[in-house]
């Protein structure tokens, strides 16, 4: 039985490769090598059971299924991003009051 969630690092690598249309540029954003991005995407392709990209020399073309998958996961990733920013910013806006120096 497969896990319900795909390998999440692979999903992140795929999402970046989709936005840039390049493993090299996705790698720069993710601070990994282009080969590592390619390996992560291949891992996701194996998990899904179909190719997401057609790989050619210096050219990366998304497949129809790859585009369809991206359109399904992009809103969820955007929601995770927004929720994380909201929580992170909430913690930064806290003010705390200490009783130090008040002789209490």
PDB file of N, CA and C in Angstrom:
ATOM      1  N   UNK A   1       0.842  -1.197   0.000  1.00  0.00           N
ATOM      2  CA  UNK A   1       0.000   0.000   0.000  1.00  0.00           C
ATOM      3  C   UNK A   1       0.882   1.254   0.000  1.00  0.00           C
ATOM      4  N   UNK A   2       0.605   2.183  -0.888  1.00  0.00           N
ATOM      5  CA  UNK A   2       1.380   3.426  -0.976  1.00  0.00           C
ATOM      6  C   UNK A   2       0.954   4.397   0.115  1.00  0.00           C
ATOM      7  N   UNK A   3       1.896   5.250   0.497  1.00  0.00           N
ATOM      8  CA  UNK A   3       1.553   6.336   1.414  1.00  0.00           C
ATOM      9  C   UNK A   3       0.557   7.263   0.751  1.00  0.00           C
ATOM     10  N   UNK A   4      -0.281   7.886   1.566  1.00  0.00           N
ATOM     11  CA  UNK A   4      -1.273   8.815   1.027  1.00  0.00           C
ATOM     12  C   UNK A   4      -0.617  10.083   0.490  1.00  0.00           C
ATOM     13  N   UNK A   5       0.477  10.506   1.109  1.00  0.00           N
ATOM     14  CA  UNK A   5       1.172  11.714   0.661  1.00  0.00           C
ATOM     15  C   UNK A   5       2.349  11.351  -0.231  1.00  0.00           C
ATOM     16  N   UNK A   6       2.553  12.124  -1.286  1.00  0.00           N
ATOM     17  CA  UNK A   6       3.746  11.900  -2.117  1.00  0.00           C
ATOM     18  C   UNK A   6       4.980  12.388  -1.360  1.00  0.00           C
ATOM     19  N   UNK A   7       6.170  12.051  -1.843  1.00  0.00           N
ATOM     20  CA  UNK A   7       7.386  12.580  -1.206  1.00  0.00           C
ATOM     21  C   UNK A   7       7.387  14.111  -1.318  1.00  0.00           C
ATOM     22  N   UNK A   8       7.289  14.795  -0.183  1.00  0.00           N
ATOM     23  CA  UNK A   8       7.066  16.245  -0.206  1.00  0.00           C
ATOM     24  C   UNK A   8       8.252  17.041  -0.741  1.00  0.00           C
ATOM     25  N   UNK A   9       9.467  16.596  -0.495  1.00  0.00           N
ATOM     26  CA  UNK A   9      10.625  17.285  -1.093  1.00  0.00           C
ATOM     27  C   UNK A   9      10.545  17.224  -2.612  1.00  0.00           C
ATOM     28  N   UNK A  10      10.070  16.101  -3.102  1.00  0.00           N
ATOM     29  CA  UNK A  10       9.927  15.930  -4.546  1.00  0.00           C
ATOM     30  C   UNK A  10       8.844  16.856  -5.100  1.00  0.00           C
ATOM     31  N   UNK A  11       7.773  17.021  -4.351  1.00  0.00           N
ATOM     32  CA  UNK A  11       6.697  17.938  -4.769  1.00  0.00           C
ATOM     33  C   UNK A  11       7.230  19.364  -4.836  1.00  0.00           C
ATOM     34  N   UNK A  12       8.025  19.760  -3.849  1.00  0.00           N
ATOM     35  CA  UNK A  12       8.593  21.114  -3.818  1.00  0.00           C
ATOM     36  C   UNK A  12       9.542  21.317  -4.992  1.00  0.00           C
ATOM     37  N   UNK A  13      10.349  20.309  -5.291  1.00  0.00           N
ATOM     38  CA  UNK A  13      11.263  20.402  -6.440  1.00  0.00           C
ATOM     39  C   UNK A  13      10.471  20.507  -7.743  1.00  0.00           C
ATOM     40  N   UNK A  14       9.418  19.719  -7.873  1.00  0.00           N
ATOM     41  CA  UNK A  14       8.571  19.772  -9.063  1.00  0.00           C
ATOM     42  C   UNK A  14       7.929  21.143  -9.208  1.00  0.00           C
ATOM     43  N   UNK A  15       7.401  21.668  -8.127  1.00  0.00           N
ATOM     44  CA  UNK A  15       6.733  22.986  -8.168  1.00  0.00           C
ATOM     45  C   UNK A  15       7.707  24.072  -8.612  1.00  0.00           C
ATOM     46  N   UNK A  16       8.919  24.052  -8.085  1.00  0.00           N
ATOM     47  CA  UNK A  16       9.926  25.050  -8.476  1.00  0.00           C
ATOM     48  C   UNK A  16      10.318  24.872  -9.940  1.00  0.00           C
ATOM     49  N   UNK A  17      10.486  23.641 -10.373  1.00  0.00           N
ATOM     50  CA  UNK A  17      10.837  23.390 -11.773  1.00  0.00           C
ATOM     51  C   UNK A  17       9.719  23.863 -12.706  1.00  0.00           C
ATOM     52  N   UNK A  18       8.497  23.706 -12.278  1.00  0.00           N
ATOM     53  CA  UNK A  18       7.368  24.189 -13.085  1.00  0.00           C
ATOM     54  C   UNK A  18       7.388  25.714 -13.191  1.00  0.00           C
ATOM     55  N   UNK A  19       7.608  26.384 -12.081  1.00  0.00           N
ATOM     56  CA  UNK A  19       7.608  27.851 -12.109  1.00  0.00           C
ATOM     57  C   UNK A  19       8.715  28.402 -12.988  1.00  0.00           C
ATOM     58  N   UNK A  20       9.881  27.782 -12.936  1.00  0.00           N
ATOM     59  CA  UNK A  20      11.026  28.286 -13.698  1.00  0.00           C
ATOM     60  C   UNK A  20      11.160  27.661 -15.084  1.00  0.00           C
ATOM     61  N   UNK A  21      10.562  26.489 -15.265  1.00  0.00           N
ATOM     62  CA  UNK A  21      10.756  25.782 -16.535  1.00  0.00           C
ATOM     63  C   UNK A  21      12.177  25.293 -16.687  1.00  0.00           C
ATOM     64  N   UNK A  22      12.847  25.091 -15.547  1.00  0.00           N
ATOM     65  CA  UNK A  22      14.266  24.744 -15.577  1.00  0.00           C
ATOM     66  C   UNK A  22      14.663  24.073 -14.266  1.00  0.00           C
ATOM     67  N   UNK A  23      15.384  22.957 -14.379  1.00  0.00           N
ATOM     68  CA  UNK A  23      15.927  22.333 -13.179  1.00  0.00           C
ATOM     69  C   UNK A  23      17.040  23.192 -12.590  1.00  0.00           C
ATOM     70  N   UNK A  24      17.790  23.865 -13.454  1.00  0.00           N
ATOM     71  CA  UNK A  24      18.910  24.688 -12.990  1.00  0.00           C
ATOM     72  C   UNK A  24      18.406  25.852 -12.126  1.00  0.00           C
ATOM     73  N   UNK A  25      17.415  26.564 -12.607  1.00  0.00           N
ATOM     74  CA  UNK A  25      16.900  27.705 -11.848  1.00  0.00           C
ATOM     75  C   UNK A  25      16.163  27.249 -10.591  1.00  0.00           C
ATOM     76  N   UNK A  26      15.460  26.134 -10.683  1.00  0.00           N
ATOM     77  CA  UNK A  26      14.801  25.583  -9.491  1.00  0.00           C
ATOM     78  C   UNK A  26      15.851  25.217  -8.450  1.00  0.00           C
ATOM     79  N   UNK A  27      16.961  24.647  -8.908  1.00  0.00           N
ATOM     80  CA  UNK A  27      18.044  24.260  -8.008  1.00  0.00           C
ATOM     81  C   UNK A  27      18.640  25.463  -7.292  1.00  0.00           C
ATOM     82  N   UNK A  28      18.792  26.562  -8.016  1.00  0.00           N
ATOM     83  CA  UNK A  28      19.332  27.780  -7.399  1.00  0.00           C
ATOM     84  C   UNK A  28      18.418  28.261  -6.271  1.00  0.00           C
ATOM     85  N   UNK A  29      17.114  28.241  -6.507  1.00  0.00           N
ATOM     86  CA  UNK A  29      16.171  28.666  -5.474  1.00  0.00           C
ATOM     87  C   UNK A  29      16.198  27.729  -4.267  1.00  0.00           C
ATOM     88  N   UNK A  30      16.314  26.441  -4.527  1.00  0.00           N
ATOM     89  CA  UNK A  30      16.241  25.443  -3.461  1.00  0.00           C
ATOM     90  C   UNK A  30      17.598  25.167  -2.808  1.00  0.00           C
ATOM     91  N   UNK A  31      18.655  25.764  -3.345  1.00  0.00           N
ATOM     92  CA  UNK A  31      20.015  25.594  -2.828  1.00  0.00           C
ATOM     93  C   UNK A  31      20.464  24.135  -2.885  1.00  0.00           C
ATOM     94  N   UNK A  32      20.163  23.488  -4.013  1.00  0.00           N
ATOM     95  CA  UNK A  32      20.624  22.139  -4.291  1.00  0.00           C
ATOM     96  C   UNK A  32      21.114  22.115  -5.738  1.00  0.00           C
ATOM     97  N   UNK A  33      21.610  20.986  -6.191  1.00  0.00           N
ATOM     98  CA  UNK A  33      22.110  20.899  -7.565  1.00  0.00           C
ATOM     99  C   UNK A  33      20.964  20.603  -8.537  1.00  0.00           C
ATOM    100  N   UNK A  34      21.157  20.954  -9.810  1.00  0.00           N
ATOM    101  CA  UNK A  34      20.150  20.591 -10.809  1.00  0.00           C
ATOM    102  C   UNK A  34      19.911  19.079 -10.859  1.00  0.00           C
ATOM    103  N   UNK A  35      20.972  18.308 -10.662  1.00  0.00           N
ATOM    104  CA  UNK A  35      20.829  16.854 -10.637  1.00  0.00           C
ATOM    105  C   UNK A  35      19.938  16.389  -9.493  1.00  0.00           C
ATOM    106  N   UNK A  36      20.044  17.071  -8.357  1.00  0.00           N
ATOM    107  CA  UNK A  36      19.200  16.722  -7.208  1.00  0.00           C
ATOM    108  C   UNK A  36      17.741  17.054  -7.496  1.00  0.00           C
ATOM    109  N   UNK A  37      17.495  18.177  -8.176  1.00  0.00           N
ATOM    110  CA  UNK A  37      16.118  18.516  -8.571  1.00  0.00           C
ATOM    111  C   UNK A  37      15.585  17.440  -9.504  1.00  0.00           C
ATOM    112  N   UNK A  38      16.378  17.056 -10.487  1.00  0.00           N
ATOM    113  CA  UNK A  38      15.970  16.032 -11.438  1.00  0.00           C
ATOM    114  C   UNK A  38      15.658  14.711 -10.725  1.00  0.00           C
ATOM    115  N   UNK A  39      16.502  14.333  -9.767  1.00  0.00           N
ATOM    116  CA  UNK A  39      16.273  13.098  -9.015  1.00  0.00           C
ATOM    117  C   UNK A  39      14.981  13.174  -8.204  1.00  0.00           C
ATOM    118  N   UNK A  40      14.727  14.329  -7.585  1.00  0.00           N
ATOM    119  CA  UNK A  40      13.503  14.486  -6.807  1.00  0.00           C
ATOM    120  C   UNK A  40      12.274  14.398  -7.714  1.00  0.00           C
ATOM    121  N   UNK A  41      12.341  15.034  -8.863  1.00  0.00           N
ATOM    122  CA  UNK A  41      11.214  14.987  -9.805  1.00  0.00           C
ATOM    123  C   UNK A  41      11.019  13.551 -10.294  1.00  0.00           C
ATOM    124  N   UNK A  42      12.101  12.861 -10.577  1.00  0.00           N
ATOM    125  CA  UNK A  42      11.992  11.461 -11.018  1.00  0.00           C
ATOM    126  C   UNK A  42      11.351  10.601  -9.920  1.00  0.00           C
ATOM    127  N   UNK A  43      11.700  10.875  -8.668  1.00  0.00           N
ATOM    128  CA  UNK A  43      11.100  10.167  -7.535  1.00  0.00           C
ATOM    129  C   UNK A  43       9.581  10.388  -7.495  1.00  0.00           C
ATOM    130  N   UNK A  44       9.167  11.625  -7.737  1.00  0.00           N
ATOM    131  CA  UNK A  44       7.738  11.941  -7.772  1.00  0.00           C
ATOM    132  C   UNK A  44       7.069  11.251  -8.967  1.00  0.00           C
ATOM    133  N   UNK A  45       7.745  11.251 -10.101  1.00  0.00           N
ATOM    134  CA  UNK A  45       7.206  10.580 -11.286  1.00  0.00           C
ATOM    135  C   UNK A  45       7.006   9.088 -11.009  1.00  0.00           C
ATOM    136  N   UNK A  46       7.955   8.486 -10.333  1.00  0.00           N
ATOM    137  CA  UNK A  46       7.821   7.068  -9.987  1.00  0.00           C
ATOM    138  C   UNK A  46       6.652   6.857  -9.035  1.00  0.00           C
ATOM    139  N   UNK A  47       6.494   7.752  -8.063  1.00  0.00           N
ATOM    140  CA  UNK A  47       5.404   7.649  -7.096  1.00  0.00           C
ATOM    141  C   UNK A  47       4.048   7.790  -7.791  1.00  0.00           C
ATOM    142  N   UNK A  48       3.965   8.741  -8.730  1.00  0.00           N
ATOM    143  CA  UNK A  48       2.713   8.970  -9.456  1.00  0.00           C
ATOM    144  C   UNK A  48       2.450   7.914 -10.523  1.00  0.00           C
ATOM    145  N   UNK A  49       3.523   7.410 -11.101  1.00  0.00           N
ATOM    146  CA  UNK A  49       3.376   6.393 -12.139  1.00  0.00           C
ATOM    147  C   UNK A  49       3.339   6.935 -13.550  1.00  0.00           C
ATOM    148  N   UNK A  50       3.753   8.193 -13.717  1.00  0.00           N
ATOM    149  CA  UNK A  50       3.817   8.771 -15.070  1.00  0.00           C
ATOM    150  C   UNK A  50       4.794   9.937 -15.097  1.00  0.00           C
ATOM    151  N   UNK A  51       5.331  10.253 -16.308  1.00  0.00           N
ATOM    152  CA  UNK A  51       6.289  11.351 -16.417  1.00  0.00           C
ATOM    153  C   UNK A  51       5.611  12.719 -16.285  1.00  0.00           C
ATOM    154  N   UNK A  52       6.303  13.622 -15.638  1.00  0.00           N
ATOM    155  CA  UNK A  52       5.831  14.994 -15.479  1.00  0.00           C
ATOM    156  C   UNK A  52       6.475  15.920 -16.506  1.00  0.00           C
ATOM    157  N   UNK A  53       7.673  15.566 -16.931  1.00  0.00           N
ATOM    158  CA  UNK A  53       8.423  16.358 -17.908  1.00  0.00           C
ATOM    159  C   UNK A  53       8.987  15.453 -18.994  1.00  0.00           C
ATOM    160  N   UNK A  54       9.190  16.041 -20.170  1.00  0.00           N
ATOM    161  CA  UNK A  54       9.998  15.427 -21.218  1.00  0.00           C
ATOM    162  C   UNK A  54      11.344  16.122 -21.116  1.00  0.00           C
ATOM    163  N   UNK A  55      12.380  15.343 -20.875  1.00  0.00           N
ATOM    164  CA  UNK A  55      13.721  15.890 -20.709  1.00  0.00           C
ATOM    165  C   UNK A  55      14.479  15.781 -22.025  1.00  0.00           C
ATOM    166  N   UNK A  56      14.930  16.914 -22.511  1.00  0.00           N
ATOM    167  CA  UNK A  56      15.755  16.959 -23.703  1.00  0.00           C
ATOM    168  C   UNK A  56      16.993  17.781 -23.367  1.00  0.00           C
ATOM    169  N   UNK A  57      17.993  17.743 -24.223  1.00  0.00           N
ATOM    170  CA  UNK A  57      19.201  18.519 -23.970  1.00  0.00           C
ATOM    171  C   UNK A  57      18.838  19.996 -23.901  1.00  0.00           C
ATOM    172  N   UNK A  58      19.126  20.596 -22.767  1.00  0.00           N
ATOM    173  CA  UNK A  58      18.873  22.027 -22.512  1.00  0.00           C
ATOM    174  C   UNK A  58      17.416  22.445 -22.715  1.00  0.00           C
ATOM    175  N   UNK A  59      16.493  21.493 -22.581  1.00  0.00           N
ATOM    176  CA  UNK A  59      15.089  21.823 -22.753  1.00  0.00           C
ATOM    177  C   UNK A  59      14.244  20.921 -21.854  1.00  0.00           C
ATOM    178  N   UNK A  60      13.335  21.536 -21.145  1.00  0.00           N
ATOM    179  CA  UNK A  60      12.442  20.821 -20.244  1.00  0.00           C
ATOM    180  C   UNK A  60      11.018  21.166 -20.653  1.00  0.00           C
ATOM    181  N   UNK A  61      10.236  20.157 -20.999  1.00  0.00           N
ATOM    182  CA  UNK A  61       8.864  20.385 -21.429  1.00  0.00           C
ATOM    183  C   UNK A  61       7.926  19.615 -20.512  1.00  0.00           C
ATOM    184  N   UNK A  62       6.958  20.325 -19.955  1.00  0.00           N
ATOM    185  CA  UNK A  62       5.991  19.670 -19.076  1.00  0.00           C
ATOM    186  C   UNK A  62       5.036  18.822 -19.915  1.00  0.00           C
ATOM    187  N   UNK A  63       4.681  17.659 -19.384  1.00  0.00           N
ATOM    188  CA  UNK A  63       3.708  16.811 -20.056  1.00  0.00           C
ATOM    189  C   UNK A  63       2.294  17.303 -19.718  1.00  0.00           C
ATOM    190  N   UNK A  64       1.326  16.803 -20.441  1.00  0.00           N
ATOM    191  CA  UNK A  64      -0.066  17.172 -20.160  1.00  0.00           C
ATOM    192  C   UNK A  64      -0.456  16.744 -18.742  1.00  0.00           C
ATOM    193  N   UNK A  65      -0.054  15.534 -18.356  1.00  0.00           N
ATOM    194  CA  UNK A  65      -0.345  15.057 -16.999  1.00  0.00           C
ATOM    195  C   UNK A  65       0.407  15.883 -15.957  1.00  0.00           C
ATOM    196  N   UNK A  66       1.616  16.307 -16.297  1.00  0.00           N
ATOM    197  CA  UNK A  66       2.387  17.154 -15.393  1.00  0.00           C
ATOM    198  C   UNK A  66       1.690  18.482 -15.152  1.00  0.00           C
ATOM    199  N   UNK A  67       1.164  19.073 -16.221  1.00  0.00           N
ATOM    200  CA  UNK A  67       0.437  20.336 -16.104  1.00  0.00           C
ATOM    201  C   UNK A  67      -0.832  20.150 -15.275  1.00  0.00           C
ATOM    202  N   UNK A  68      -1.513  19.054 -15.512  1.00  0.00           N
ATOM    203  CA  UNK A  68      -2.731  18.761 -14.769  1.00  0.00           C
ATOM    204  C   UNK A  68      -2.425  18.582 -13.270  1.00  0.00           C
ATOM    205  N   UNK A  69      -1.376  17.829 -12.968  1.00  0.00           N
ATOM    206  CA  UNK A  69      -0.982  17.616 -11.570  1.00  0.00           C
ATOM    207  C   UNK A  69      -0.614  18.943 -10.915  1.00  0.00           C
ATOM    208  N   UNK A  70       0.158  19.756 -11.628  1.00  0.00           N
ATOM    209  CA  UNK A  70       0.555  21.057 -11.090  1.00  0.00           C
ATOM    210  C   UNK A  70      -0.661  21.924 -10.776  1.00  0.00           C
ATOM    211  N   UNK A  71      -1.637  21.934 -11.664  1.00  0.00           N
ATOM    212  CA  UNK A  71      -2.822  22.768 -11.433  1.00  0.00           C
ATOM    213  C   UNK A  71      -3.614  22.291 -10.213  1.00  0.00           C
ATOM    214  N   UNK A  72      -3.495  21.020  -9.886  1.00  0.00           N
ATOM    215  CA  UNK A  72      -4.183  20.496  -8.706  1.00  0.00           C
ATOM    216  C   UNK A  72      -3.438  20.784  -7.404  1.00  0.00           C
ATOM    217  N   UNK A  73      -2.107  20.743  -7.431  1.00  0.00           N
ATOM    218  CA  UNK A  73      -1.348  20.927  -6.194  1.00  0.00           C
ATOM    219  C   UNK A  73      -0.986  22.381  -5.906  1.00  0.00           C
ATOM    220  N   UNK A  74      -0.923  23.226  -6.933  1.00  0.00           N
ATOM    221  CA  UNK A  74      -0.500  24.622  -6.737  1.00  0.00           C
ATOM    222  C   UNK A  74      -1.359  25.360  -5.712  1.00  0.00           C
ATOM    223  N   UNK A  75      -2.692  25.249  -5.744  1.00  0.00           N
ATOM    224  CA  UNK A  75      -3.497  25.953  -4.732  1.00  0.00           C
ATOM    225  C   UNK A  75      -3.209  25.473  -3.306  1.00  0.00           C
ATOM    226  N   UNK A  76      -2.972  24.187  -3.145  1.00  0.00           N
ATOM    227  CA  UNK A  76      -2.670  23.664  -1.806  1.00  0.00           C
ATOM    228  C   UNK A  76      -1.327  24.185  -1.310  1.00  0.00           C
ATOM    229  N   UNK A  77      -0.330  24.239  -2.183  1.00  0.00           N
ATOM    230  CA  UNK A  77       0.976  24.763  -1.790  1.00  0.00           C
ATOM    231  C   UNK A  77       0.891  26.253  -1.463  1.00  0.00           C
ATOM    232  N   UNK A  78       0.092  26.984  -2.222  1.00  0.00           N
ATOM    233  CA  UNK A  78      -0.109  28.410  -1.953  1.00  0.00           C
ATOM    234  C   UNK A  78      -0.786  28.597  -0.591  1.00  0.00           C
ATOM    235  N   UNK A  79      -1.741  27.744  -0.291  1.00  0.00           N
ATOM    236  CA  UNK A  79      -2.437  27.829   1.001  1.00  0.00           C
ATOM    237  C   UNK A  79      -1.475  27.543   2.151  1.00  0.00           C
ATOM    238  N   UNK A  80      -0.614  26.555   1.999  1.00  0.00           N
ATOM    239  CA  UNK A  80       0.391  26.252   3.023  1.00  0.00           C
ATOM    240  C   UNK A  80       1.320  27.444   3.209  1.00  0.00           C
ATOM    241  N   UNK A  81       1.734  28.055   2.111  1.00  0.00           N
ATOM    242  CA  UNK A  81       2.624  29.211   2.165  1.00  0.00           C
ATOM    243  C   UNK A  81       1.970  30.382   2.907  1.00  0.00           C
ATOM    244  N   UNK A  82       0.728  30.675   2.566  1.00  0.00           N
ATOM    245  CA  UNK A  82       0.016  31.792   3.212  1.00  0.00           C
ATOM    246  C   UNK A  82      -0.222  31.521   4.692  1.00  0.00           C
ATOM    247  N   UNK A  83      -0.617  30.315   5.031  1.00  0.00           N
ATOM    248  CA  UNK A  83      -0.852  29.962   6.433  1.00  0.00           C
ATOM    249  C   UNK A  83       0.441  30.069   7.237  1.00  0.00           C
ATOM    250  N   UNK A  84       1.536  29.638   6.653  1.00  0.00           N
ATOM    251  CA  UNK A  84       2.830  29.710   7.339  1.00  0.00           C
ATOM    252  C   UNK A  84       3.257  31.145   7.553  1.00  0.00           C
ATOM    253  N   UNK A  85       3.072  32.003   6.542  1.00  0.00           N
ATOM    254  CA  UNK A  85       3.398  33.420   6.689  1.00  0.00           C
ATOM    255  C   UNK A  85       2.544  34.059   7.773  1.00  0.00           C
ATOM    256  N   UNK A  86       1.274  33.731   7.796  1.00  0.00           N
ATOM    257  CA  UNK A  86       0.369  34.284   8.793  1.00  0.00           C
ATOM    258  C   UNK A  86       0.811  33.917  10.199  1.00  0.00           C
ATOM    259  N   UNK A  87       1.107  32.652  10.421  1.00  0.00           N
ATOM    260  CA  UNK A  87       1.532  32.197  11.746  1.00  0.00           C
ATOM    261  C   UNK A  87       2.882  32.798  12.112  1.00  0.00           C
ATOM    262  N   UNK A  88       3.800  32.821  11.171  1.00  0.00           N
ATOM    263  CA  UNK A  88       5.133  33.361  11.434  1.00  0.00           C
ATOM    264  C   UNK A  88       5.046  34.850  11.762  1.00  0.00           C
ATOM    265  N   UNK A  89       4.280  35.603  11.005  1.00  0.00           N
ATOM    266  CA  UNK A  89       4.142  37.035  11.247  1.00  0.00           C
ATOM    267  C   UNK A  89       3.408  37.312  12.554  1.00  0.00           C
ATOM    268  N   UNK A  90       2.476  36.478  12.924  1.00  0.00           N
ATOM    269  CA  UNK A  90       1.752  36.629  14.178  1.00  0.00           C
ATOM    270  C   UNK A  90       2.708  36.552  15.361  1.00  0.00           C
ATOM    271  N   UNK A  91       3.636  35.600  15.316  1.00  0.00           N
ATOM    272  CA  UNK A  91       4.599  35.438  16.400  1.00  0.00           C
ATOM    273  C   UNK A  91       5.554  36.626  16.497  1.00  0.00           C
ATOM    274  N   UNK A  92       5.874  37.247  15.374  1.00  0.00           N
ATOM    275  CA  UNK A  92       6.793  38.385  15.369  1.00  0.00           C
ATOM    276  C   UNK A  92       6.133  39.653  15.904  1.00  0.00           C
ATOM    277  N   UNK A  93       4.819  39.717  15.892  1.00  0.00           N
ATOM    278  CA  UNK A  93       4.117  40.919  16.328  1.00  0.00           C
ATOM    279  C   UNK A  93       3.696  40.878  17.800  1.00  0.00           C
ATOM    280  N   UNK A  94       4.146  39.879  18.536  1.00  0.00           N
ATOM    281  CA  UNK A  94       3.799  39.778  19.948  1.00  0.00           C
ATOM    282  C   UNK A  94       4.582  40.792  20.753  1.00  0.00           C
ATOM    283  N   UNK A  95       3.924  41.327  21.748  1.00  0.00           N
ATOM    284  CA  UNK A  95       4.582  42.211  22.698  1.00  0.00           C
ATOM    285  C   UNK A  95       4.480  41.546  24.053  1.00  0.00           C
ATOM    286  N   UNK A  96       5.585  41.492  24.761  1.00  0.00           N
ATOM    287  CA  UNK A  96       5.527  40.899  26.095  1.00  0.00           C
ATOM    288  C   UNK A  96       5.934  41.935  27.122  1.00  0.00           C
ATOM    289  N   UNK A  97       5.303  41.848  28.244  1.00  0.00           N
ATOM    290  CA  UNK A  97       5.577  42.766  29.350  1.00  0.00           C
ATOM    291  C   UNK A  97       6.200  41.959  30.468  1.00  0.00           C
ATOM    292  N   UNK A  98       7.270  42.485  30.997  1.00  0.00           N
ATOM    293  CA  UNK A  98       7.986  41.799  32.066  1.00  0.00           C
ATOM    294  C   UNK A  98       7.853  42.618  33.336  1.00  0.00           C
ATOM    295  N   UNK A  99       7.866  41.948  34.474  1.00  0.00           N
ATOM    296  CA  UNK A  99       7.800  42.656  35.756  1.00  0.00           C
ATOM    297  C   UNK A  99       9.177  43.061  36.235  1.00  0.00           C
ATOM    298  N   UNK A 100      10.214  42.786  35.476  1.00  0.00           N
ATOM    299  CA  UNK A 100      11.571  43.141  35.878  1.00  0.00           C
ATOM    300  C   UNK A 100      11.704  44.658  36.001  1.00  0.00           C
ATOM    301  N   UNK A 101      12.258  45.086  37.104  1.00  0.00           N
ATOM    302  CA  UNK A 101      12.504  46.502  37.311  1.00  0.00           C
ATOM    303  C   UNK A 101      11.333  47.261  37.917  1.00  0.00           C
ATOM    304  N   UNK A 102      10.226  46.572  38.200  1.00  0.00           N
ATOM    305  CA  UNK A 102       9.064  47.256  38.768  1.00  0.00           C
ATOM    306  C   UNK A 102       8.931  46.980  40.262  1.00  0.00           C
ATOM    307  N   UNK A 103       9.845  46.176  40.821  1.00  0.00           N
ATOM    308  CA  UNK A 103       9.819  45.901  42.247  1.00  0.00           C
ATOM    309  C   UNK A 103       8.612  45.096  42.689  1.00  0.00           C
ATOM    310  N   UNK A 104       8.044  44.348  41.799  1.00  0.00           N
ATOM    311  CA  UNK A 104       6.874  43.558  42.152  1.00  0.00           C
ATOM    312  C   UNK A 104       7.270  42.222  42.684  1.00  0.00           C
TER     313      UNK A 104
END
